[in-house]
C-alpha atoms as a PDB file:
ATOM      1  CA  MET A   1       0.000   0.000   0.000  1.00  0.00           C
ATOM      2  CA  SER A   2       1.374   3.354  -1.016  1.00  0.00           C
ATOM      3  CA  ARG A   3       1.976   6.030   1.570  1.00  0.00           C
ATOM      4  CA  LEU A   4      -0.105   8.367  -0.581  1.00  0.00           C
ATOM      5  CA  SER A   5      -3.860   8.293  -0.321  1.00  0.00           C
ATOM      6  CA  GLU A   6      -6.050   7.425  -3.284  1.00  0.00           C
ATOM      7  CA  SER A   7      -7.141  11.071  -3.301  1.00  0.00           C
ATOM      8  CA  ARG A   8      -3.548  12.306  -3.665  1.00  0.00           C
ATOM      9  CA  ILE A   9      -2.779   9.750  -6.352  1.00  0.00           C
ATOM     10  CA  SER A  10      -5.902  10.856  -8.219  1.00  0.00           C
ATOM     11  CA  HIS A  11      -4.914  14.512  -7.877  1.00  0.00           C
ATOM     12  CA  LEU A  12      -1.419  13.803  -9.256  1.00  0.00           C
ATOM     13  CA  ALA A  13      -2.876  11.792 -12.135  1.00  0.00           C
ATOM     14  CA  HIS A  14      -5.209  14.664 -13.045  1.00  0.00           C
ATOM     15  CA  LEU A  15      -2.304  17.119 -12.947  1.00  0.00           C
ATOM     16  CA  ILE A  16      -0.259  14.895 -15.251  1.00  0.00           C
ATOM     17  CA  ILE A  17      -3.081  14.345 -17.757  1.00  0.00           C
ATOM     18  CA  ASP A  18      -4.024  18.036 -17.718  1.00  0.00           C
ATOM     19  CA  GLY A  19      -0.392  19.077 -18.140  1.00  0.00           C
ATOM     20  CA  LEU A  20       0.148  16.745 -21.085  1.00  0.00           C
ATOM     21  CA  TRP A  21      -3.009  18.031 -22.737  1.00  0.00           C
ATOM     22  CA  LYS A  22      -2.315  21.744 -22.062  1.00  0.00           C
ATOM     23  CA  GLU A  23       1.243  21.474 -23.386  1.00  0.00           C
ATOM     24  CA  ASP A  24      -0.134  19.682 -26.453  1.00  0.00           C
ATOM     25  CA  LEU A  25       2.094  16.687 -25.746  1.00  0.00           C
ATOM     26  CA  ALA A  26      -0.681  14.115 -25.982  1.00  0.00           C
ATOM     27  CA  ASP A  27      -4.299  13.679 -26.991  1.00  0.00           C
ATOM     28  CA  PHE A  28      -6.438  11.145 -25.195  1.00  0.00           C
ATOM     29  CA  PRO A  29      -9.241   9.515 -27.158  1.00  0.00           C
ATOM     30  CA  ASN A  30     -10.396   7.956 -23.890  1.00  0.00           C
ATOM     31  CA  GLU A  31      -9.533  10.348 -21.076  1.00  0.00           C
ATOM     32  CA  ALA A  32     -10.993   8.080 -18.393  1.00  0.00           C
ATOM     33  CA  ARG A  33      -8.747   5.224 -19.496  1.00  0.00           C
ATOM     34  CA  ALA A  34      -5.701   7.506 -19.659  1.00  0.00           C
ATOM     35  CA  LEU A  35      -6.465   8.739 -16.165  1.00  0.00           C
ATOM     36  CA  GLY A  36      -6.890   5.187 -14.870  1.00  0.00           C
ATOM     37  CA  GLU A  37      -3.597   4.065 -16.406  1.00  0.00           C
ATOM     38  CA  THR A  38      -1.818   7.099 -14.977  1.00  0.00           C
ATOM     39  CA  LYS A  39      -3.160   6.261 -11.520  1.00  0.00           C
ATOM     40  CA  ASN A  40      -1.961   2.657 -11.921  1.00  0.00           C
ATOM     41  CA  VAL A  41       1.533   3.783 -12.911  1.00  0.00           C
ATOM     42  CA  LEU A  42       1.722   6.212  -9.989  1.00  0.00           C
ATOM     43  CA  ASN A  43       0.570   3.514  -7.559  1.00  0.00           C
ATOM     44  CA  GLU A  44       3.178   1.077  -8.892  1.00  0.00           C
ATOM     45  CA  PHE A  45       5.894   3.711  -8.629  1.00  0.00           C
ATOM     46  CA  PHE A  46       5.092   4.667  -5.032  1.00  0.00           C
ATOM     47  CA  ASN A  47       4.609   1.033  -3.970  1.00  0.00           C
ATOM     48  CA  HIS A  48       8.009   0.181  -5.436  1.00  0.00           C
ATOM     49  CA  GLU A  49       9.538   3.137  -3.609  1.00  0.00           C
ATOM     50  CA  ASP A  50       7.937   1.937  -0.358  1.00  0.00           C
ATOM     51  CA  ARG A  51       9.317  -1.592  -0.851  1.00  0.00           C
ATOM     52  CA  LEU A  52      12.822  -0.222  -1.432  1.00  0.00           C
ATOM     53  CA  ASP A  53      12.522   1.936   1.671  1.00  0.00           C
ATOM     54  CA  GLU A  54      11.542  -1.103   3.748  1.00  0.00           C
ATOM     55  CA  ILE A  55      14.458  -3.183   2.409  1.00  0.00           C
ATOM     56  CA  VAL A  56      16.951  -0.414   3.178  1.00  0.00           C
ATOM     57  CA  ARG A  57      15.573   0.171   6.688  1.00  0.00           C
ATOM     58  CA  GLN A  58      15.781  -3.562   7.425  1.00  0.00           C
ATOM     59  CA  LYS A  59      19.415  -3.636   6.301  1.00  0.00           C
ATOM     60  CA  ILE A  60      20.252  -0.774   8.665  1.00  0.00           C
ATOM     61  CA  GLN A  61      18.388  -2.434  11.538  1.00  0.00           C
ATOM     62  CA  SER A  62      20.196  -5.718  10.949  1.00  0.00           C
ATOM     63  CA  LEU A  63      23.628  -4.217  11.594  1.00  0.00           C
ATOM     64  CA  SER A  64      25.494  -5.613  14.602  1.00  0.00           C
ATOM     65  CA  ARG A  65      25.359  -2.263  16.372  1.00  0.00           C
ATOM     66  CA  PRO A  66      22.436   0.112  16.500  1.00  0.00           C
ATOM     67  CA  VAL A  67      22.520   3.175  14.269  1.00  0.00           C
ATOM     68  CA  PRO A  68      20.120   5.859  15.494  1.00  0.00           C
ATOM     69  CA  PRO A  69      17.586   7.005  12.884  1.00  0.00           C
ATOM     70  CA  GLY A  70      18.152  10.618  11.915  1.00  0.00           C
ATOM     71  CA  SER A  71      21.866  10.501  12.636  1.00  0.00           C
ATOM     72  CA  ARG A  72      24.382  11.427   9.964  1.00  0.00           C
ATOM     73  CA  GLU A  73      25.586   7.807   9.889  1.00  0.00           C
ATOM     74  CA  TRP A  74      22.023   6.534   9.390  1.00  0.00           C
ATOM     75  CA  ASP A  75      21.501   8.968   6.500  1.00  0.00           C
ATOM     76  CA  VAL A  76      24.764   7.930   4.839  1.00  0.00           C
ATOM     77  CA  LEU A  77      23.926   4.227   5.222  1.00  0.00           C
ATOM     78  CA  TYR A  78      20.408   4.789   3.927  1.00  0.00           C
ATOM     79  CA  ARG A  79      21.681   6.469   0.740  1.00  0.00           C
ATOM     80  CA  LYS A  80      24.380   3.814   0.280  1.00  0.00           C
ATOM     81  CA  TYR A  81      21.991   0.880   0.681  1.00  0.00           C
ATOM     82  CA  LEU A  82      19.335   2.535  -1.479  1.00  0.00           C
ATOM     83  CA  GLU A  83      21.852   3.016  -4.290  1.00  0.00           C
ATOM     84  CA  GLU A  84      22.896  -0.642  -3.937  1.00  0.00           C
ATOM     85  CA  GLU A  85      19.299  -1.831  -4.202  1.00  0.00           C
ATOM     86  CA  LEU A  86      18.653   0.381  -7.218  1.00  0.00           C
ATOM     87  CA  ARG A  87      21.769  -0.976  -8.943  1.00  0.00           C
ATOM     88  CA  LYS A  88      20.656  -4.561  -8.225  1.00  0.00           C
ATOM     89  CA  GLN A  89      17.301  -3.906  -9.848  1.00  0.00           C
ATOM     90  CA  ARG A  90      18.816  -2.382 -12.984  1.00  0.00           C
ATOM     91  CA  LYS A  91      20.713  -5.600 -13.733  1.00  0.00           C
END
């Protein structure tokens, strides 16, 4: 489940569809379908981001010594592990 509500996802999807239309970047023969697909893509994106976040947090928690959340070390480890996970997924 994404950390964004259905209402926020819907709002973002409308902004994207409206922006594409206003900038004359796309025409939508079926606007409802385009909106639905945009919502699906946004949900997948944010769910994927949430899964990565969980993996990275678990890696930090599994270290032999505790690293306090919010500390500089925690932030550095978070970025490092996130980059590692992103590289793994690109392969």
